[in-house]
């Protein structure tokens, strides 16, 4: 489906009817978009450090696994709380 800028975009399929191939493809596509954003952040930060930062270089971690684990734990805690109230 064309997006507002004419670029090809994709939408998530229905969970109950999507094929396995679609389920593999779509997260990869989103992952590529995340990687592109991370690369842009790195380029911007490297440029700032090289050209405008006289002090210790600013560094960031692009490892989001701890963040994702925290979000998953929070979602599980919320779901457990809902189940406890419902029972």
Protein backbone atom coordinates (compact mmCIF):
# COMPACT_ATOMS: atom_id res chain seq x y z
CA UNK A 1 0.00 0.00 0.00
CA UNK A 2 1.53 3.39 -0.94
CA UNK A 3 2.14 5.76 1.95
CA UNK A 4 1.70 9.56 1.90
CA UNK A 5 5.13 10.04 0.31
CA UNK A 6 4.48 7.40 -2.36
CA UNK A 7 6.78 4.89 -0.66
CA UNK A 8 5.61 1.30 -0.29
CA UNK A 9 4.27 0.56 3.20
CA UNK A 10 2.88 -2.55 4.80
CA UNK A 11 0.13 -3.12 7.31
CA UNK A 12 -0.15 -5.86 9.88
CA UNK A 13 -2.38 -8.72 8.86
CA UNK A 14 -5.10 -10.17 11.03
CA UNK A 15 -3.54 -12.35 13.73
CA UNK A 16 -6.00 -15.20 13.12
CA UNK A 17 -5.64 -15.34 9.35
CA UNK A 18 -2.07 -14.24 8.56
CA UNK A 19 0.33 -16.71 7.04
CA UNK A 20 3.54 -17.79 8.72
CA UNK A 21 5.54 -16.06 5.98
CA UNK A 22 3.76 -12.78 6.72
CA UNK A 23 4.38 -13.24 10.43
CA UNK A 24 8.11 -13.66 9.72
CA UNK A 25 8.35 -10.80 7.21
CA UNK A 26 6.61 -8.01 9.12
CA UNK A 27 8.77 -8.03 12.27
CA UNK A 28 11.87 -8.06 10.08
CA UNK A 29 10.58 -5.01 8.24
CA UNK A 30 9.92 -3.18 11.51
CA UNK A 31 13.35 -4.25 12.75
CA UNK A 32 14.92 -2.70 9.66
CA UNK A 33 13.14 0.57 10.40
CA UNK A 34 14.38 0.50 14.00
CA UNK A 35 17.92 -0.23 12.78
CA UNK A 36 17.71 2.73 10.38
CA UNK A 37 16.64 5.04 13.22
CA UNK A 38 19.45 3.75 15.44
CA UNK A 39 21.96 4.31 12.67
CA UNK A 40 20.76 7.90 12.18
CA UNK A 41 21.05 8.52 15.94
CA UNK A 42 24.59 7.10 15.88
CA UNK A 43 25.60 9.25 12.91
CA UNK A 44 24.14 12.39 14.55
CA UNK A 45 25.84 11.66 17.86
CA UNK A 46 29.18 10.82 16.23
CA UNK A 47 29.02 14.07 14.28
CA UNK A 48 28.19 16.07 17.40
CA UNK A 49 31.00 14.43 19.35
CA UNK A 50 33.48 15.06 16.54
CA UNK A 51 32.47 18.62 15.68
CA UNK A 52 30.78 20.25 18.67
CA UNK A 53 31.63 18.37 21.85
CA UNK A 54 34.93 19.41 23.46
CA UNK A 55 34.46 17.08 26.44
CA UNK A 56 34.06 13.37 26.94
CA UNK A 57 32.23 11.85 23.95
CA UNK A 58 28.55 11.19 24.55
CA UNK A 59 27.78 7.50 24.17
CA UNK A 60 24.52 5.60 24.04
CA UNK A 61 23.71 1.92 24.04
CA UNK A 62 21.77 0.57 21.10
CA UNK A 63 21.09 -2.69 22.95
CA UNK A 64 17.39 -2.54 23.78
CA UNK A 65 17.08 -6.08 25.16
CA UNK A 66 16.91 -4.88 28.82
CA UNK A 67 14.21 -2.35 27.88
CA UNK A 68 12.18 -4.97 26.04
CA UNK A 69 12.52 -7.38 28.99
CA UNK A 70 11.30 -4.66 31.38
CA UNK A 71 8.29 -3.93 29.15
CA UNK A 72 7.45 -7.63 28.90
CA UNK A 73 7.65 -8.00 32.69
CA UNK A 74 5.37 -4.99 33.14
CA UNK A 75 2.85 -6.39 30.64
CA UNK A 76 2.88 -9.73 32.46
CA UNK A 77 2.35 -8.03 35.83
CA UNK A 78 -0.60 -6.07 34.42
CA UNK A 79 -2.13 -9.21 32.91
CA UNK A 80 -1.66 -11.11 36.19
CA UNK A 81 -3.37 -8.25 38.08
CA UNK A 82 -6.31 -8.30 35.66
CA UNK A 83 -6.64 -12.07 36.01
CA UNK A 84 -6.55 -11.79 39.82
CA UNK A 85 -9.36 -9.22 39.80
CA UNK A 86 -11.43 -11.30 37.38
CA UNK A 87 -11.22 -14.46 39.46
